[in-house]
Amino acid sequence: MGLFDSFFGKTPKSNASESLKNKHYEASEKLMEEDLFWKIIQTTKDSSNGNFELQQEELANELRKLAPEQLILFDNSFRNLRGQANTWELWGAIYIIHGGCSDDSFTDFREWVIAQGKSFYNKIVSDPDSLAEMNADEIEEFDWEGFGYLPRLVFEELTNQKMPRAFQEKLETTGNKWEEDGDDLKHLLPKLFAKYSNTI
């Protein structure tokens, strides 16, 4: 079963109304209004009771309520936040916790951080070492993949078209680059290193 089937249980074409299918959609570089974006995220988090897989289903349901033009803006905002979180410090944090982290897994992790809501996102991106305050069970065992695909998949479901994209996400990892060997992570993220040093 593909990713789309796992969330939607049908092909995009089956749920696309004629009015939406026949309309042309312009790419946009605009972002969704911030309060609305985070309201959608928080609604899905509250209704899923901490179950990330369920939260993805809830997000799909919330996104279906948006017009395709709004979905484009939501996707832009999501990718903007994901890009802002693309820092060596945050990558180092999840690297320490899991004893390693590929670039794909780091992308998934940043999407999970967004899914936790505005306050959590701002705190963790500004101070990744504060992840040490979380219970180990909340973050050690997670399958984060899927959240970032949903705006595009819902857009295809509603319109039977590929989502046009103009917004450019920040793909370069910025901040204090660390090396796997040596004491870089110990000095960069001392709380996490002290808590999880046995994993790396």
C-alpha atoms as a PDB file:
ATOM      1  CA  MET A   1       0.000   0.000   0.000  1.00  0.00           C
ATOM      2  CA  GLY A   2       1.409   3.409  -0.951  1.00  0.00           C
ATOM      3  CA  LEU A   3       1.586   6.439   1.264  1.00  0.00           C
ATOM      4  CA  PHE A   4      -1.489   7.988  -0.319  1.00  0.00           C
ATOM      5  CA  ASP A   5      -3.535   4.836   0.141  1.00  0.00           C
ATOM      6  CA  SER A   6      -2.476   4.575   3.784  1.00  0.00           C
ATOM      7  CA  PHE A   7      -3.938   8.002   4.523  1.00  0.00           C
ATOM      8  CA  PHE A   8      -6.808   8.245   2.099  1.00  0.00           C
ATOM      9  CA  GLY A   9      -7.780   4.751   1.033  1.00  0.00           C
ATOM     10  CA  LYS A  10      -8.466   5.839  -2.539  1.00  0.00           C
ATOM     11  CA  THR A  11      -6.836   7.452  -5.511  1.00  0.00           C
ATOM     12  CA  PRO A  12      -6.810  11.263  -5.842  1.00  0.00           C
ATOM     13  CA  LYS A  13      -9.064  11.150  -8.895  1.00  0.00           C
ATOM     14  CA  SER A  14     -11.939   9.489  -7.064  1.00  0.00           C
ATOM     15  CA  ASN A  15     -12.486  12.433  -4.705  1.00  0.00           C
ATOM     16  CA  ALA A  16     -11.802  15.372  -7.008  1.00  0.00           C
ATOM     17  CA  SER A  17     -14.915  17.376  -7.886  1.00  0.00           C
ATOM     18  CA  GLU A  18     -15.288  18.579 -11.455  1.00  0.00           C
ATOM     19  CA  SER A  19     -15.159  22.244 -10.421  1.00  0.00           C
ATOM     20  CA  LEU A  20     -11.853  21.805  -8.633  1.00  0.00           C
ATOM     21  CA  LYS A  21     -10.370  19.519 -11.269  1.00  0.00           C
ATOM     22  CA  ASN A  22     -11.005  21.950 -14.106  1.00  0.00           C
ATOM     23  CA  LYS A  23      -9.543  25.010 -12.414  1.00  0.00           C
ATOM     24  CA  HIS A  24      -5.997  26.256 -12.996  1.00  0.00           C
ATOM     25  CA  TYR A  25      -3.997  26.933  -9.833  1.00  0.00           C
ATOM     26  CA  GLU A  26      -1.148  29.407  -9.695  1.00  0.00           C
ATOM     27  CA  ALA A  27       1.997  28.781  -7.698  1.00  0.00           C
ATOM     28  CA  SER A  28       2.540  31.248  -4.879  1.00  0.00           C
ATOM     29  CA  GLU A  29       5.405  32.262  -2.633  1.00  0.00           C
ATOM     30  CA  LYS A  30       3.048  33.597   0.041  1.00  0.00           C
ATOM     31  CA  LEU A  31       2.703  31.998   3.456  1.00  0.00           C
ATOM     32  CA  MET A  32      -0.499  31.142   5.272  1.00  0.00           C
ATOM     33  CA  GLU A  33      -1.506  33.556   8.019  1.00  0.00           C
ATOM     34  CA  GLU A  34       0.540  32.382  11.011  1.00  0.00           C
ATOM     35  CA  ASP A  35      -2.281  32.082  13.535  1.00  0.00           C
ATOM     36  CA  LEU A  36      -4.378  30.017  11.123  1.00  0.00           C
ATOM     37  CA  PHE A  37      -1.482  27.691  10.342  1.00  0.00           C
ATOM     38  CA  TRP A  38      -0.757  26.996  13.991  1.00  0.00           C
ATOM     39  CA  LYS A  39      -4.461  26.677  14.805  1.00  0.00           C
ATOM     40  CA  ILE A  40      -4.698  23.843  12.272  1.00  0.00           C
ATOM     41  CA  ILE A  41      -1.638  22.137  13.727  1.00  0.00           C
ATOM     42  CA  GLN A  42      -2.867  22.502  17.307  1.00  0.00           C
ATOM     43  CA  THR A  43      -6.321  21.185  16.409  1.00  0.00           C
ATOM     44  CA  THR A  44      -4.781  18.010  15.016  1.00  0.00           C
ATOM     45  CA  LYS A  45      -2.501  17.581  17.999  1.00  0.00           C
ATOM     46  CA  ASP A  46      -5.313  18.042  20.518  1.00  0.00           C
ATOM     47  CA  SER A  47      -7.599  15.596  18.743  1.00  0.00           C
ATOM     48  CA  SER A  48      -4.967  12.864  18.416  1.00  0.00           C
ATOM     49  CA  ASN A  49      -4.000  12.527  22.096  1.00  0.00           C
ATOM     50  CA  GLY A  50      -0.294  12.262  21.369  1.00  0.00           C
ATOM     51  CA  ASN A  51      -0.667   9.568  18.707  1.00  0.00           C
ATOM     52  CA  PHE A  52       1.436  10.863  15.809  1.00  0.00           C
ATOM     53  CA  GLU A  53      -0.025   8.448  13.266  1.00  0.00           C
ATOM     54  CA  LEU A  54      -3.519   9.534  14.238  1.00  0.00           C
ATOM     55  CA  GLN A  55      -2.423  13.165  14.088  1.00  0.00           C
ATOM     56  CA  GLN A  56      -1.495  12.698  10.436  1.00  0.00           C
ATOM     57  CA  GLU A  57      -5.007  11.416   9.729  1.00  0.00           C
ATOM     58  CA  GLU A  58      -6.454  14.371  11.606  1.00  0.00           C
ATOM     59  CA  LEU A  59      -4.299  16.775   9.612  1.00  0.00           C
ATOM     60  CA  ALA A  60      -5.518  15.255   6.360  1.00  0.00           C
ATOM     61  CA  ASN A  61      -9.091  15.829   7.518  1.00  0.00           C
ATOM     62  CA  GLU A  62      -8.373  19.456   8.441  1.00  0.00           C
ATOM     63  CA  LEU A  63      -6.611  20.127   5.152  1.00  0.00           C
ATOM     64  CA  ARG A  64      -9.588  18.802   3.207  1.00  0.00           C
ATOM     65  CA  LYS A  65     -11.575  21.723   4.615  1.00  0.00           C
ATOM     66  CA  LEU A  66      -9.258  24.225   2.892  1.00  0.00           C
ATOM     67  CA  ALA A  67      -9.554  25.563  -0.628  1.00  0.00           C
ATOM     68  CA  PRO A  68      -6.724  24.396  -2.917  1.00  0.00           C
ATOM     69  CA  GLU A  69      -5.296  27.928  -2.897  1.00  0.00           C
ATOM     70  CA  GLN A  70      -5.081  27.767   0.895  1.00  0.00           C
ATOM     71  CA  LEU A  71      -3.427  24.366   0.725  1.00  0.00           C
ATOM     72  CA  ILE A  72      -0.630  25.916  -1.313  1.00  0.00           C
ATOM     73  CA  LEU A  73      -0.114  28.559   1.379  1.00  0.00           C
ATOM     74  CA  PHE A  74      -0.204  25.933   4.135  1.00  0.00           C
ATOM     75  CA  ASP A  75       2.426  23.903   2.302  1.00  0.00           C
ATOM     76  CA  ASN A  76       4.589  27.007   1.902  1.00  0.00           C
ATOM     77  CA  SER A  77       4.358  27.768   5.617  1.00  0.00           C
ATOM     78  CA  PHE A  78       5.121  24.181   6.550  1.00  0.00           C
ATOM     79  CA  ARG A  79       8.197  24.069   4.329  1.00  0.00           C
ATOM     80  CA  ASN A  80       9.278  27.489   5.569  1.00  0.00           C
ATOM     81  CA  LEU A  81       9.210  26.293   9.177  1.00  0.00           C
ATOM     82  CA  ARG A  82      10.953  23.061   8.245  1.00  0.00           C
ATOM     83  CA  GLY A  83      13.684  25.083   6.564  1.00  0.00           C
ATOM     84  CA  GLN A  84      14.094  27.405   9.539  1.00  0.00           C
ATOM     85  CA  ALA A  85      14.583  24.340  11.723  1.00  0.00           C
ATOM     86  CA  ASN A  86      17.361  23.043   9.470  1.00  0.00           C
ATOM     87  CA  THR A  87      20.180  23.787  11.893  1.00  0.00           C
ATOM     88  CA  TRP A  88      23.214  21.816  12.946  1.00  0.00           C
ATOM     89  CA  GLU A  89      22.195  22.299  16.574  1.00  0.00           C
ATOM     90  CA  LEU A  90      18.824  20.600  16.099  1.00  0.00           C
ATOM     91  CA  TRP A  91      20.379  17.867  13.967  1.00  0.00           C
ATOM     92  CA  GLY A  92      22.926  17.317  16.718  1.00  0.00           C
ATOM     93  CA  ALA A  93      20.150  17.025  19.280  1.00  0.00           C
ATOM     94  CA  ILE A  94      18.365  14.171  17.547  1.00  0.00           C
ATOM     95  CA  TYR A  95      21.714  12.621  16.608  1.00  0.00           C
ATOM     96  CA  ILE A  96      22.565  12.386  20.306  1.00  0.00           C
ATOM     97  CA  ILE A  97      19.161  11.031  21.297  1.00  0.00           C
ATOM     98  CA  HIS A  98      19.100   8.311  18.643  1.00  0.00           C
ATOM     99  CA  GLY A  99      22.814   7.633  18.488  1.00  0.00           C
ATOM    100  CA  GLY A 100      22.823   8.755  14.851  1.00  0.00           C
ATOM    101  CA  CYS A 101      20.488  10.439  12.382  1.00  0.00           C
ATOM    102  CA  SER A 102      20.485  10.465   8.571  1.00  0.00           C
ATOM    103  CA  ASP A 103      19.508  13.551   6.587  1.00  0.00           C
ATOM    104  CA  ASP A 104      16.144  11.964   5.687  1.00  0.00           C
ATOM    105  CA  SER A 105      15.436  11.124   9.315  1.00  0.00           C
ATOM    106  CA  PHE A 106      16.355  14.686  10.287  1.00  0.00           C
ATOM    107  CA  THR A 107      13.794  15.983   7.803  1.00  0.00           C
ATOM    108  CA  ASP A 108      11.157  13.712   9.345  1.00  0.00           C
ATOM    109  CA  PHE A 109      12.165  14.838  12.826  1.00  0.00           C
ATOM    110  CA  ARG A 110      11.762  18.522  11.922  1.00  0.00           C
ATOM    111  CA  GLU A 111       8.264  17.741  10.660  1.00  0.00           C
ATOM    112  CA  TRP A 112       7.460  16.090  13.991  1.00  0.00           C
ATOM    113  CA  VAL A 113       8.711  19.196  15.803  1.00  0.00           C
ATOM    114  CA  ILE A 114       6.304  21.344  13.762  1.00  0.00           C
ATOM    115  CA  ALA A 115       3.498  18.897  14.551  1.00  0.00           C
ATOM    116  CA  GLN A 116       3.956  19.516  18.283  1.00  0.00           C
ATOM    117  CA  GLY A 117       2.696  23.091  17.946  1.00  0.00           C
ATOM    118  CA  LYS A 118       3.940  26.650  17.957  1.00  0.00           C
ATOM    119  CA  SER A 119       5.297  26.898  21.505  1.00  0.00           C
ATOM    120  CA  PHE A 120       7.170  23.618  21.282  1.00  0.00           C
ATOM    121  CA  TYR A 121       8.546  24.442  17.843  1.00  0.00           C
ATOM    122  CA  ASN A 122       9.844  27.867  18.894  1.00  0.00           C
ATOM    123  CA  LYS A 123      11.402  26.518  22.076  1.00  0.00           C
ATOM    124  CA  ILE A 124      13.125  23.539  20.497  1.00  0.00           C
ATOM    125  CA  VAL A 125      14.421  25.394  17.442  1.00  0.00           C
ATOM    126  CA  SER A 126      15.829  28.204  19.597  1.00  0.00           C
ATOM    127  CA  ASP A 127      17.206  25.830  22.243  1.00  0.00           C
ATOM    128  CA  PRO A 128      17.586  22.236  20.996  1.00  0.00           C
ATOM    129  CA  ASP A 129      19.319  21.256  24.234  1.00  0.00           C
ATOM    130  CA  SER A 130      15.966  21.719  25.985  1.00  0.00           C
ATOM    131  CA  LEU A 131      14.891  18.389  24.465  1.00  0.00           C
ATOM    132  CA  ALA A 132      16.685  16.927  27.467  1.00  0.00           C
ATOM    133  CA  GLU A 133      13.658  18.005  29.530  1.00  0.00           C
ATOM    134  CA  MET A 134      11.400  15.555  27.678  1.00  0.00           C
ATOM    135  CA  ASN A 135      10.730  12.052  28.875  1.00  0.00           C
ATOM    136  CA  ALA A 136      12.810   9.594  26.903  1.00  0.00           C
ATOM    137  CA  ASP A 137       9.751   7.616  25.787  1.00  0.00           C
ATOM    138  CA  GLU A 138       8.261  10.706  24.126  1.00  0.00           C
ATOM    139  CA  ILE A 139      11.056  11.050  21.621  1.00  0.00           C
ATOM    140  CA  GLU A 140      13.182   7.903  21.435  1.00  0.00           C
ATOM    141  CA  GLU A 141      10.704   5.665  19.614  1.00  0.00           C
ATOM    142  CA  PHE A 142       9.077   7.574  16.797  1.00  0.00           C
ATOM    143  CA  ASP A 143       8.257   6.926  13.178  1.00  0.00           C
ATOM    144  CA  TRP A 144       8.017  10.519  11.979  1.00  0.00           C
ATOM    145  CA  GLU A 145       7.642  10.017   8.233  1.00  0.00           C
ATOM    146  CA  GLY A 146       4.547  11.299   6.460  1.00  0.00           C
ATOM    147  CA  PHE A 147       3.472  14.616   7.938  1.00  0.00           C
ATOM    148  CA  GLY A 148       5.146  16.784   5.320  1.00  0.00           C
ATOM    149  CA  TYR A 149       3.585  14.916   2.397  1.00  0.00           C
ATOM    150  CA  LEU A 150       0.013  15.626   3.412  1.00  0.00           C
ATOM    151  CA  PRO A 151      -0.587  19.102   1.903  1.00  0.00           C
ATOM    152  CA  ARG A 152       0.514  17.869  -1.506  1.00  0.00           C
ATOM    153  CA  LEU A 153      -1.469  14.645  -1.237  1.00  0.00           C
ATOM    154  CA  VAL A 154      -4.656  16.388  -0.169  1.00  0.00           C
ATOM    155  CA  PHE A 155      -4.226  18.906  -2.981  1.00  0.00           C
ATOM    156  CA  GLU A 156      -3.990  16.036  -5.470  1.00  0.00           C
ATOM    157  CA  GLU A 157      -7.011  14.360  -3.902  1.00  0.00           C
ATOM    158  CA  LEU A 158      -9.123  17.517  -4.237  1.00  0.00           C
ATOM    159  CA  THR A 159      -7.967  18.681  -7.659  1.00  0.00           C
ATOM    160  CA  ASN A 160      -6.483  15.663  -9.410  1.00  0.00           C
ATOM    161  CA  GLN A 161      -3.513  17.939 -10.141  1.00  0.00           C
ATOM    162  CA  LYS A 162       0.044  18.244  -8.898  1.00  0.00           C
ATOM    163  CA  MET A 163       0.488  21.081  -6.434  1.00  0.00           C
ATOM    164  CA  PRO A 164       2.278  24.038  -8.078  1.00  0.00           C
ATOM    165  CA  ARG A 165       5.226  25.172  -5.991  1.00  0.00           C
ATOM    166  CA  ALA A 166       7.104  28.463  -6.124  1.00  0.00           C
ATOM    167  CA  PHE A 167       8.225  28.863  -2.512  1.00  0.00           C
ATOM    168  CA  GLN A 168      11.875  27.913  -2.003  1.00  0.00           C
ATOM    169  CA  GLU A 169      12.568  26.114   1.254  1.00  0.00           C
ATOM    170  CA  LYS A 170      15.899  26.728   2.975  1.00  0.00           C
ATOM    171  CA  LEU A 171      17.767  23.520   2.245  1.00  0.00           C
ATOM    172  CA  GLU A 172      21.187  24.462   3.602  1.00  0.00           C
ATOM    173  CA  THR A 173      21.881  23.381   7.162  1.00  0.00           C
ATOM    174  CA  THR A 174      23.060  26.418   9.111  1.00  0.00           C
ATOM    175  CA  GLY A 175      24.556  27.036  12.541  1.00  0.00           C
ATOM    176  CA  ASN A 176      27.510  25.460  14.324  1.00  0.00           C
ATOM    177  CA  LYS A 177      28.594  22.476  12.289  1.00  0.00           C
ATOM    178  CA  TRP A 178      29.772  19.571  14.387  1.00  0.00           C
ATOM    179  CA  GLU A 179      31.879  16.499  13.706  1.00  0.00           C
ATOM    180  CA  GLU A 180      30.790  13.039  14.743  1.00  0.00           C
ATOM    181  CA  ASP A 181      34.186  12.311  16.237  1.00  0.00           C
ATOM    182  CA  GLY A 182      35.449  14.471  19.067  1.00  0.00           C
ATOM    183  CA  ASP A 183      33.750  16.592  21.707  1.00  0.00           C
ATOM    184  CA  ASP A 184      31.745  18.930  19.468  1.00  0.00           C
ATOM    185  CA  LEU A 185      28.344  17.607  20.514  1.00  0.00           C
ATOM    186  CA  LYS A 186      29.331  17.478  24.173  1.00  0.00           C
ATOM    187  CA  HIS A 187      30.087  21.180  24.173  1.00  0.00           C
ATOM    188  CA  LEU A 188      27.258  22.180  21.829  1.00  0.00           C
ATOM    189  CA  LEU A 189      24.461  20.291  23.634  1.00  0.00           C
ATOM    190  CA  PRO A 190      25.704  19.527  27.162  1.00  0.00           C
ATOM    191  CA  LYS A 191      22.337  18.570  28.711  1.00  0.00           C
ATOM    192  CA  LEU A 192      21.465  16.103  25.977  1.00  0.00           C
ATOM    193  CA  PHE A 193      24.979  14.707  25.879  1.00  0.00           C
ATOM    194  CA  ALA A 194      24.915  14.078  29.614  1.00  0.00           C
ATOM    195  CA  LYS A 195      21.525  12.350  29.360  1.00  0.00           C
ATOM    196  CA  TYR A 196      22.183  10.248  26.235  1.00  0.00           C
ATOM    197  CA  SER A 197      25.971   9.924  26.058  1.00  0.00           C
ATOM    198  CA  ASN A 198      25.686   6.139  26.271  1.00  0.00           C
ATOM    199  CA  THR A 199      23.906   6.097  22.859  1.00  0.00           C
ATOM    200  CA  ILE A 200      26.737   7.647  20.826  1.00  0.00           C
END
